[in-house]
Amino acid sequence: MEYGYSILMGIFAAAILLYAGLMALTKDYNMLPLRARQSVKPKDPKRYMTQLSKVVALVAASPALSALTGLWNMIAAVIVLIGSMVLFIWIGTKIMKGIE
């Protein structure tokens, strides 16, 4: 199973992207885990879910990039996973900045 890492990361990215799509379509605040709902009480839950779905979809790109890199080199795939995850979470904080 030479490409096992790439297959698993691709499946993981697709699952996260599916969750982001469901969040964007339904805009249901109750889709969040209970712990997250208790710590954040947004004034406009629909707008909050729309922005959060963008961030989750952006973060889903990290394992997808790692899966593509894993087809070439495993060490580079781990570096891409960590580096892109840090970058995308940082960009996500900028996206969520004005939402309350």
N, C-alpha and C. Protein backbone atom coordinates (compact mmCIF):
# COMPACT_ATOMS: atom_id res chain seq x y z
N MET A 1 0.84 -1.18 0.00
CA MET A 1 0.00 0.00 0.00
C MET A 1 0.89 1.24 0.00
N GLU A 2 1.41 1.51 -1.15
CA GLU A 2 2.37 2.60 -1.31
C GLU A 2 1.72 3.97 -1.14
N TYR A 3 0.47 4.09 -1.53
CA TYR A 3 -0.20 5.38 -1.48
C TYR A 3 -1.26 5.43 -0.39
N GLY A 4 -1.09 4.68 0.68
CA GLY A 4 -2.07 4.63 1.76
C GLY A 4 -2.26 5.98 2.44
N TYR A 5 -1.17 6.68 2.69
CA TYR A 5 -1.25 8.00 3.32
C TYR A 5 -2.06 8.95 2.45
N SER A 6 -1.78 8.96 1.16
CA SER A 6 -2.48 9.87 0.26
C SER A 6 -3.97 9.55 0.19
N ILE A 7 -4.30 8.27 0.19
CA ILE A 7 -5.71 7.87 0.14
C ILE A 7 -6.43 8.30 1.41
N LEU A 8 -5.82 8.04 2.56
CA LEU A 8 -6.44 8.42 3.83
C LEU A 8 -6.59 9.93 3.97
N MET A 9 -5.58 10.67 3.58
CA MET A 9 -5.67 12.13 3.66
C MET A 9 -6.71 12.67 2.68
N GLY A 10 -6.83 12.05 1.52
CA GLY A 10 -7.87 12.46 0.58
C GLY A 10 -9.27 12.22 1.12
N ILE A 11 -9.46 11.08 1.76
CA ILE A 11 -10.76 10.78 2.37
C ILE A 11 -11.05 11.74 3.51
N PHE A 12 -10.04 12.02 4.32
CA PHE A 12 -10.20 12.95 5.43
C PHE A 12 -10.55 14.34 4.93
N ALA A 13 -9.89 14.81 3.88
CA ALA A 13 -10.18 16.12 3.31
C ALA A 13 -11.60 16.17 2.75
N ALA A 14 -12.02 15.10 2.10
CA ALA A 14 -13.37 15.05 1.55
C ALA A 14 -14.42 15.08 2.65
N ALA A 15 -14.17 14.40 3.76
CA ALA A 15 -15.12 14.39 4.87
C ALA A 15 -15.23 15.79 5.50
N ILE A 16 -14.11 16.45 5.68
CA ILE A 16 -14.15 17.80 6.24
C ILE A 16 -14.85 18.76 5.29
N LEU A 17 -14.60 18.61 4.01
CA LEU A 17 -15.25 19.47 3.01
C LEU A 17 -16.76 19.21 2.96
N LEU A 18 -17.16 17.97 3.12
CA LEU A 18 -18.59 17.65 3.18
C LEU A 18 -19.24 18.31 4.39
N TYR A 19 -18.59 18.26 5.53
CA TYR A 19 -19.10 18.90 6.74
C TYR A 19 -19.22 20.41 6.54
N ALA A 20 -18.23 21.02 5.91
CA ALA A 20 -18.28 22.46 5.63
C ALA A 20 -19.44 22.79 4.69
N GLY A 21 -19.65 21.94 3.70
CA GLY A 21 -20.77 22.16 2.79
C GLY A 21 -22.11 22.06 3.49
N LEU A 22 -22.25 21.09 4.37
CA LEU A 22 -23.50 20.97 5.13
C LEU A 22 -23.72 22.17 6.05
N MET A 23 -22.64 22.65 6.65
CA MET A 23 -22.76 23.83 7.49
C MET A 23 -23.19 25.04 6.67
N ALA A 24 -22.65 25.19 5.48
CA ALA A 24 -22.97 26.33 4.62
C ALA A 24 -24.41 26.25 4.11
N LEU A 25 -24.85 25.05 3.78
CA LEU A 25 -26.21 24.89 3.26
C LEU A 25 -27.28 25.07 4.33
N THR A 26 -27.09 24.43 5.47
CA THR A 26 -28.14 24.47 6.49
C THR A 26 -28.05 25.70 7.38
N LYS A 27 -26.86 26.21 7.62
CA LYS A 27 -26.62 27.34 8.53
C LYS A 27 -27.22 27.06 9.90
N ASP A 28 -27.22 25.79 10.29
CA ASP A 28 -27.79 25.36 11.56
C ASP A 28 -26.71 25.41 12.64
N TYR A 29 -26.89 26.27 13.61
CA TYR A 29 -25.91 26.44 14.68
C TYR A 29 -25.77 25.18 15.53
N ASN A 30 -26.79 24.33 15.54
CA ASN A 30 -26.75 23.10 16.33
C ASN A 30 -25.88 22.01 15.71
N MET A 31 -25.33 22.25 14.53
CA MET A 31 -24.40 21.28 13.93
C MET A 31 -23.04 21.29 14.62
N LEU A 32 -22.78 22.35 15.36
CA LEU A 32 -21.51 22.43 16.09
C LEU A 32 -21.55 21.51 17.30
N PRO A 33 -20.41 21.00 17.72
CA PRO A 33 -20.38 20.19 18.94
C PRO A 33 -20.83 21.01 20.15
N LEU A 34 -21.33 20.34 21.16
CA LEU A 34 -21.88 21.01 22.34
C LEU A 34 -20.87 21.93 23.01
N ARG A 35 -19.63 21.51 23.09
CA ARG A 35 -18.60 22.35 23.72
C ARG A 35 -18.42 23.66 22.98
N ALA A 36 -18.46 23.61 21.67
CA ALA A 36 -18.29 24.83 20.87
C ALA A 36 -19.50 25.75 21.01
N ARG A 37 -20.67 25.17 21.10
CA ARG A 37 -21.88 25.98 21.26
C ARG A 37 -21.91 26.68 22.62
N GLN A 38 -21.36 26.05 23.64
CA GLN A 38 -21.37 26.66 24.97
C GLN A 38 -20.37 27.80 25.07
N SER A 39 -19.28 27.73 24.35
CA SER A 39 -18.25 28.75 24.48
C SER A 39 -18.48 29.96 23.58
N VAL A 40 -19.28 29.81 22.52
CA VAL A 40 -19.52 30.90 21.58
C VAL A 40 -21.02 31.13 21.47
N LYS A 41 -21.44 32.35 21.76
CA LYS A 41 -22.84 32.74 21.62
C LYS A 41 -22.92 33.89 20.61
N PRO A 42 -22.99 33.58 19.31
CA PRO A 42 -23.00 34.66 18.32
C PRO A 42 -24.34 35.40 18.29
N LYS A 43 -24.28 36.67 17.92
CA LYS A 43 -25.50 37.47 17.80
C LYS A 43 -26.31 37.03 16.59
N ASP A 44 -25.60 36.70 15.50
CA ASP A 44 -26.24 36.24 14.27
C ASP A 44 -25.70 34.84 13.94
N PRO A 45 -26.38 33.77 14.39
CA PRO A 45 -25.85 32.42 14.18
C PRO A 45 -25.72 32.02 12.71
N LYS A 46 -26.62 32.51 11.85
CA LYS A 46 -26.55 32.14 10.44
C LYS A 46 -25.30 32.72 9.78
N ARG A 47 -25.01 33.97 10.08
CA ARG A 47 -23.80 34.59 9.52
C ARG A 47 -22.55 33.92 10.08
N TYR A 48 -22.59 33.60 11.35
CA TYR A 48 -21.46 32.91 11.99
C TYR A 48 -21.21 31.56 11.33
N MET A 49 -22.27 30.81 11.06
CA MET A 49 -22.10 29.49 10.44
C MET A 49 -21.60 29.61 9.00
N THR A 50 -22.02 30.66 8.30
CA THR A 50 -21.53 30.86 6.94
C THR A 50 -20.02 31.12 6.94
N GLN A 51 -19.58 32.00 7.83
CA GLN A 51 -18.15 32.30 7.90
C GLN A 51 -17.36 31.09 8.40
N LEU A 52 -17.90 30.38 9.38
CA LEU A 52 -17.20 29.21 9.91
C LEU A 52 -17.09 28.11 8.85
N SER A 53 -18.11 27.97 8.01
CA SER A 53 -18.03 26.96 6.95
C SER A 53 -16.93 27.31 5.95
N LYS A 54 -16.70 28.59 5.71
CA LYS A 54 -15.60 29.00 4.84
C LYS A 54 -14.26 28.60 5.44
N VAL A 55 -14.12 28.81 6.74
CA VAL A 55 -12.87 28.47 7.42
C VAL A 55 -12.65 26.96 7.41
N VAL A 56 -13.70 26.19 7.68
CA VAL A 56 -13.57 24.73 7.69
C VAL A 56 -13.22 24.22 6.30
N ALA A 57 -13.82 24.79 5.27
CA ALA A 57 -13.48 24.39 3.90
C ALA A 57 -12.03 24.75 3.56
N LEU A 58 -11.57 25.88 4.04
CA LEU A 58 -10.19 26.27 3.81
C LEU A 58 -9.23 25.31 4.51
N VAL A 59 -9.56 24.94 5.73
CA VAL A 59 -8.71 24.01 6.48
C VAL A 59 -8.74 22.62 5.84
N ALA A 60 -9.82 22.27 5.16
CA ALA A 60 -9.89 20.98 4.47
C ALA A 60 -8.91 20.89 3.31
N ALA A 61 -8.46 22.04 2.84
CA ALA A 61 -7.48 22.03 1.76
C ALA A 61 -6.12 21.53 2.22
N SER A 62 -5.86 21.63 3.52
CA SER A 62 -4.55 21.21 4.04
C SER A 62 -4.30 19.71 3.86
N PRO A 63 -5.20 18.81 4.30
CA PRO A 63 -4.94 17.39 4.05
C PRO A 63 -5.02 17.04 2.56
N ALA A 64 -5.78 17.81 1.79
CA ALA A 64 -5.83 17.55 0.35
C ALA A 64 -4.48 17.86 -0.30
N LEU A 65 -3.89 18.98 0.08
CA LEU A 65 -2.55 19.30 -0.44
C LEU A 65 -1.52 18.28 0.01
N SER A 66 -1.66 17.84 1.26
CA SER A 66 -0.74 16.84 1.77
C SER A 66 -0.89 15.51 1.03
N ALA A 67 -2.13 15.16 0.68
CA ALA A 67 -2.36 13.92 -0.07
C ALA A 67 -1.70 13.98 -1.45
N LEU A 68 -1.83 15.13 -2.10
CA LEU A 68 -1.20 15.27 -3.42
C LEU A 68 0.33 15.24 -3.31
N THR A 69 0.86 15.86 -2.27
CA THR A 69 2.30 15.85 -2.07
C THR A 69 2.78 14.46 -1.69
N GLY A 70 1.94 13.70 -0.97
CA GLY A 70 2.30 12.35 -0.55
C GLY A 70 2.48 11.40 -1.71
N LEU A 71 1.90 11.70 -2.84
CA LEU A 71 2.12 10.89 -4.04
C LEU A 71 3.57 11.00 -4.51
N TRP A 72 4.20 12.11 -4.16
CA TRP A 72 5.57 12.36 -4.58
C TRP A 72 6.59 11.97 -3.51
N ASN A 73 6.39 12.49 -2.26
CA ASN A 73 7.37 12.26 -1.20
C ASN A 73 6.66 12.35 0.15
N MET A 74 6.88 11.37 1.03
CA MET A 74 6.18 11.31 2.31
C MET A 74 6.65 12.39 3.28
N ILE A 75 7.93 12.65 3.34
CA ILE A 75 8.43 13.67 4.25
C ILE A 75 7.92 15.05 3.84
N ALA A 76 7.91 15.32 2.57
CA ALA A 76 7.38 16.59 2.08
C ALA A 76 5.89 16.70 2.37
N ALA A 77 5.17 15.57 2.34
CA ALA A 77 3.73 15.60 2.62
C ALA A 77 3.45 16.01 4.05
N VAL A 78 4.26 15.53 4.99
CA VAL A 78 4.07 15.91 6.40
C VAL A 78 4.41 17.38 6.59
N ILE A 79 5.44 17.85 5.93
CA ILE A 79 5.81 19.26 6.02
C ILE A 79 4.71 20.14 5.44
N VAL A 80 4.15 19.73 4.31
CA VAL A 80 3.06 20.48 3.69
C VAL A 80 1.83 20.47 4.59
N LEU A 81 1.54 19.34 5.22
CA LEU A 81 0.38 19.25 6.11
C LEU A 81 0.51 20.23 7.27
N ILE A 82 1.64 20.22 7.93
CA ILE A 82 1.84 21.10 9.09
C ILE A 82 1.89 22.57 8.67
N GLY A 83 2.65 22.86 7.65
CA GLY A 83 2.78 24.25 7.21
C GLY A 83 1.48 24.84 6.69
N SER A 84 0.78 24.09 5.87
CA SER A 84 -0.47 24.61 5.33
C SER A 84 -1.56 24.70 6.40
N MET A 85 -1.54 23.78 7.37
CA MET A 85 -2.53 23.84 8.44
C MET A 85 -2.33 25.11 9.28
N VAL A 86 -1.10 25.43 9.60
CA VAL A 86 -0.81 26.66 10.35
C VAL A 86 -1.24 27.88 9.54
N LEU A 87 -0.90 27.91 8.27
CA LEU A 87 -1.26 29.04 7.41
C LEU A 87 -2.77 29.19 7.28
N PHE A 88 -3.48 28.09 7.04
CA PHE A 88 -4.92 28.17 6.83
C PHE A 88 -5.68 28.51 8.11
N ILE A 89 -5.20 28.04 9.25
CA ILE A 89 -5.84 28.43 10.50
C ILE A 89 -5.60 29.92 10.78
N TRP A 90 -4.42 30.42 10.46
CA TRP A 90 -4.15 31.84 10.62
C TRP A 90 -5.06 32.67 9.71
N ILE A 91 -5.23 32.26 8.46
CA ILE A 91 -6.14 32.95 7.55
C ILE A 91 -7.57 32.84 8.07
N GLY A 92 -7.93 31.69 8.64
CA GLY A 92 -9.26 31.51 9.21
C GLY A 92 -9.55 32.46 10.35
N THR A 93 -8.54 32.76 11.17
CA THR A 93 -8.76 33.73 12.24
C THR A 93 -9.03 35.12 11.67
N LYS A 94 -8.43 35.43 10.55
CA LYS A 94 -8.70 36.72 9.90
C LYS A 94 -10.13 36.75 9.33
N ILE A 95 -10.61 35.63 8.82
CA ILE A 95 -11.96 35.56 8.29
C ILE A 95 -12.99 35.70 9.40
N MET A 96 -12.72 35.10 10.57
CA MET A 96 -13.68 35.12 11.67
C MET A 96 -13.55 36.35 12.56
N LYS A 97 -12.67 37.27 12.24
CA LYS A 97 -12.36 38.40 13.11
C LYS A 97 -13.59 39.26 13.43
N GLY A 98 -14.39 39.63 12.49
CA GLY A 98 -15.50 40.56 12.72
C GLY A 98 -16.80 39.89 13.13
N ILE A 99 -16.82 38.59 13.28
CA ILE A 99 -18.06 37.87 13.60
C ILE A 99 -18.19 37.75 15.10
N GLU A 100 -19.37 38.10 15.62
CA GLU A 100 -19.63 37.94 17.05
C GLU A 100 -20.94 37.24 17.27
